[in-house]
C-alpha atoms as a PDB file:
ATOM      1  CA  MET A   1       3.537   0.831 -28.896  1.00  0.00           C
ATOM      2  CA  VAL A   2       3.659   1.028 -25.086  1.00  0.00           C
ATOM      3  CA  LEU A   3       6.073  -1.136 -23.050  1.00  0.00           C
ATOM      4  CA  GLY A   4       6.408  -3.584 -25.905  1.00  0.00           C
ATOM      5  CA  TYR A   5       2.653  -4.015 -26.360  1.00  0.00           C
ATOM      6  CA  THR A   6       0.615  -2.981 -29.303  1.00  0.00           C
ATOM      7  CA  ASP A   7      -1.731  -0.156 -28.394  1.00  0.00           C
ATOM      8  CA  ALA A   8      -4.838  -2.354 -28.601  1.00  0.00           C
ATOM      9  CA  ALA A   9      -3.351  -5.067 -26.397  1.00  0.00           C
ATOM     10  CA  PHE A  10      -2.199  -2.515 -23.850  1.00  0.00           C
ATOM     11  CA  MET A  11      -5.623  -0.886 -23.684  1.00  0.00           C
ATOM     12  CA  ASN A  12      -7.297  -4.272 -23.207  1.00  0.00           C
ATOM     13  CA  ASP A  13      -4.893  -5.164 -20.393  1.00  0.00           C
ATOM     14  CA  THR A  14      -4.905  -1.749 -18.677  1.00  0.00           C
ATOM     15  CA  GLY A  15      -7.700  -2.833 -16.319  1.00  0.00           C
ATOM     16  CA  ALA A  16      -5.375  -5.300 -14.618  1.00  0.00           C
ATOM     17  CA  TYR A  17      -2.767  -2.598 -14.071  1.00  0.00           C
ATOM     18  CA  LEU A  18      -5.351  -0.147 -12.764  1.00  0.00           C
ATOM     19  CA  ARG A  19      -6.819  -2.681 -10.325  1.00  0.00           C
ATOM     20  CA  PHE A  20      -3.327  -3.539  -9.104  1.00  0.00           C
ATOM     21  CA  ALA A  21      -2.375   0.122  -8.655  1.00  0.00           C
ATOM     22  CA  LEU A  22      -5.548   1.025  -6.769  1.00  0.00           C
ATOM     23  CA  ARG A  23      -5.291  -2.027  -4.512  1.00  0.00           C
ATOM     24  CA  ALA A  24      -1.628  -1.350  -3.735  1.00  0.00           C
ATOM     25  CA  ALA A  25      -2.224   2.363  -3.112  1.00  0.00           C
ATOM     26  CA  GLY A  26      -5.164   1.675  -0.802  1.00  0.00           C
ATOM     27  CA  ASP A  27      -3.314  -0.991   1.133  1.00  0.00           C
ATOM     28  CA  ILE A  28      -0.193   1.128   1.585  1.00  0.00           C
ATOM     29  CA  THR A  29      -2.236   4.177   2.585  1.00  0.00           C
ATOM     30  CA  GLY A  30      -4.084   2.140   5.205  1.00  0.00           C
ATOM     31  CA  THR A  31      -0.813   0.702   6.448  1.00  0.00           C
ATOM     32  CA  ILE A  32       0.487   4.217   7.079  1.00  0.00           C
ATOM     33  CA  LEU A  33      -2.678   5.848   8.435  1.00  0.00           C
ATOM     34  CA  VAL A  34      -4.153   3.245  10.778  1.00  0.00           C
ATOM     35  CA  PRO A  35      -1.153   2.791  13.119  1.00  0.00           C
ATOM     36  CA  ALA A  36      -0.548   6.558  13.273  1.00  0.00           C
ATOM     37  CA  ILE A  37      -4.168   7.343  14.153  1.00  0.00           C
ATOM     38  CA  VAL A  38      -4.418   4.525  16.698  1.00  0.00           C
ATOM     39  CA  ALA A  39      -1.102   5.554  18.298  1.00  0.00           C
ATOM     40  CA  ALA A  40      -2.151   9.208  18.490  1.00  0.00           C
ATOM     41  CA  LEU A  41      -5.515   8.393  20.071  1.00  0.00           C
ATOM     42  CA  LEU A  42      -4.062   5.832  22.459  1.00  0.00           C
ATOM     43  CA  GLY A  43      -1.151   8.080  23.447  1.00  0.00           C
ATOM     44  CA  THR A  44      -3.429  11.048  24.064  1.00  0.00           C
ATOM     45  CA  ALA A  45      -5.820   8.972  26.172  1.00  0.00           C
ATOM     46  CA  LEU A  46      -3.025   7.401  28.224  1.00  0.00           C
ATOM     47  CA  ASP A  47      -1.317  10.764  28.762  1.00  0.00           C
ATOM     48  CA  ALA A  48      -4.594  12.239  30.000  1.00  0.00           C
ATOM     49  CA  HIS A  49      -5.217   9.269  32.281  1.00  0.00           C
ATOM     50  CA  TYR A  50      -1.750   9.151  33.832  1.00  0.00           C
ATOM     51  CA  GLY A  51      -1.007  12.891  33.611  1.00  0.00           C
ATOM     52  CA  THR A  52       2.352  12.405  31.912  1.00  0.00           C
ATOM     53  CA  GLY A  53       2.286  15.381  29.566  1.00  0.00           C
ATOM     54  CA  ARG A  54       3.059  14.080  26.089  1.00  0.00           C
ATOM     55  CA  ILE A  55       5.564  11.344  26.914  1.00  0.00           C
ATOM     56  CA  ILE A  56       3.299   8.359  26.190  1.00  0.00           C
ATOM     57  CA  PHE A  57       1.953  10.091  23.068  1.00  0.00           C
ATOM     58  CA  VAL A  58       5.455  10.450  21.616  1.00  0.00           C
ATOM     59  CA  VAL A  59       6.428   6.888  22.579  1.00  0.00           C
ATOM     60  CA  CYS A  60       3.274   5.502  20.944  1.00  0.00           C
ATOM     61  CA  LEU A  61       3.967   7.468  17.763  1.00  0.00           C
ATOM     62  CA  LEU A  62       7.568   6.251  17.653  1.00  0.00           C
ATOM     63  CA  LEU A  63       6.442   2.648  18.099  1.00  0.00           C
ATOM     64  CA  ALA A  64       3.820   3.111  15.374  1.00  0.00           C
ATOM     65  CA  PHE A  65       6.471   4.593  13.075  1.00  0.00           C
ATOM     66  CA  ALA A  66       8.814   1.644  13.629  1.00  0.00           C
ATOM     67  CA  ALA A  67       6.042  -0.907  13.100  1.00  0.00           C
ATOM     68  CA  THR A  68       4.824   0.912   9.992  1.00  0.00           C
ATOM     69  CA  ALA A  69       8.313   0.997   8.481  1.00  0.00           C
ATOM     70  CA  PHE A  70       8.752  -2.740   9.054  1.00  0.00           C
ATOM     71  CA  ILE A  71       5.335  -3.600   7.600  1.00  0.00           C
ATOM     72  CA  LEU A  72       5.788  -1.267   4.621  1.00  0.00           C
ATOM     73  CA  VAL A  73       9.057  -2.896   3.608  1.00  0.00           C
ATOM     74  CA  LYS A  74       7.354  -6.295   3.577  1.00  0.00           C
ATOM     75  CA  LYS A  75       4.332  -5.012   1.627  1.00  0.00           C
ATOM     76  CA  VAL A  76       6.373  -3.116  -0.938  1.00  0.00           C
ATOM     77  CA  ARG A  77       8.466  -6.224  -1.604  1.00  0.00           C
ATOM     78  CA  MET A  78       5.276  -8.257  -1.971  1.00  0.00           C
ATOM     79  CA  TYR A  79       3.758  -5.739  -4.394  1.00  0.00           C
ATOM     80  CA  ALA A  80       7.006  -5.514  -6.369  1.00  0.00           C
ATOM     81  CA  LYS A  81       6.957  -9.273  -6.867  1.00  0.00           C
ATOM     82  CA  GLU A  82       3.279  -9.200  -7.799  1.00  0.00           C
ATOM     83  CA  TYR A  83       3.858  -6.354 -10.261  1.00  0.00           C
ATOM     84  CA  GLN A  84       6.725  -8.248 -11.891  1.00  0.00           C
ATOM     85  CA  GLN A  85       4.403 -11.239 -12.324  1.00  0.00           C
ATOM     86  CA  LEU A  86       1.812  -8.944 -13.886  1.00  0.00           C
ATOM     87  CA  ILE A  87       4.368  -7.603 -16.350  1.00  0.00           C
ATOM     88  CA  ASP A  88       5.698 -11.076 -17.178  1.00  0.00           C
ATOM     89  CA  ALA A  89       2.217 -12.514 -17.779  1.00  0.00           C
ATOM     90  CA  PRO A  90       1.318 -12.943 -21.435  1.00  0.00           C
ATOM     91  CA  VAL A  91      -0.962 -10.270 -22.830  1.00  0.00           C
ATOM     92  CA  ARG A  92      -4.447 -11.550 -23.485  1.00  0.00           C
ATOM     93  CA  ASP A  93      -5.997  -9.953 -26.530  1.00  0.00           C
ATOM     94  CA  ARG A  94      -9.667  -9.941 -25.574  1.00  0.00           C
ATOM     95  CA  SER A  95     -10.726  -8.444 -28.891  1.00  0.00           C
ATOM     96  CA  ALA A  96      -9.594 -11.582 -30.784  1.00  0.00           C
ATOM     97  CA  GLY A  97     -12.642 -13.578 -29.659  1.00  0.00           C
ATOM     98  CA  ARG A  98     -15.155 -11.024 -30.944  1.00  0.00           C
END
């Protein structure tokens, strides 16, 4: 018995958990990587253009960090709510119809 499910019911419902986990992991990874990469490229280009050393680069990274933290908090709360709904949903025994 796993998390209150019989083994067969859990195995039939594992696909939903796996899809949720992969979607959440991909979304959170993209949320972290994209702003950091864009900030690094933009900061480097602007520093080279204006000849400011690494000042704009650091500022861009700090802004990206702040934006990422704000967005991550919202996404993690959203995924926590969605995960709770997934847990609370009744288990569908797909093998019963066979």
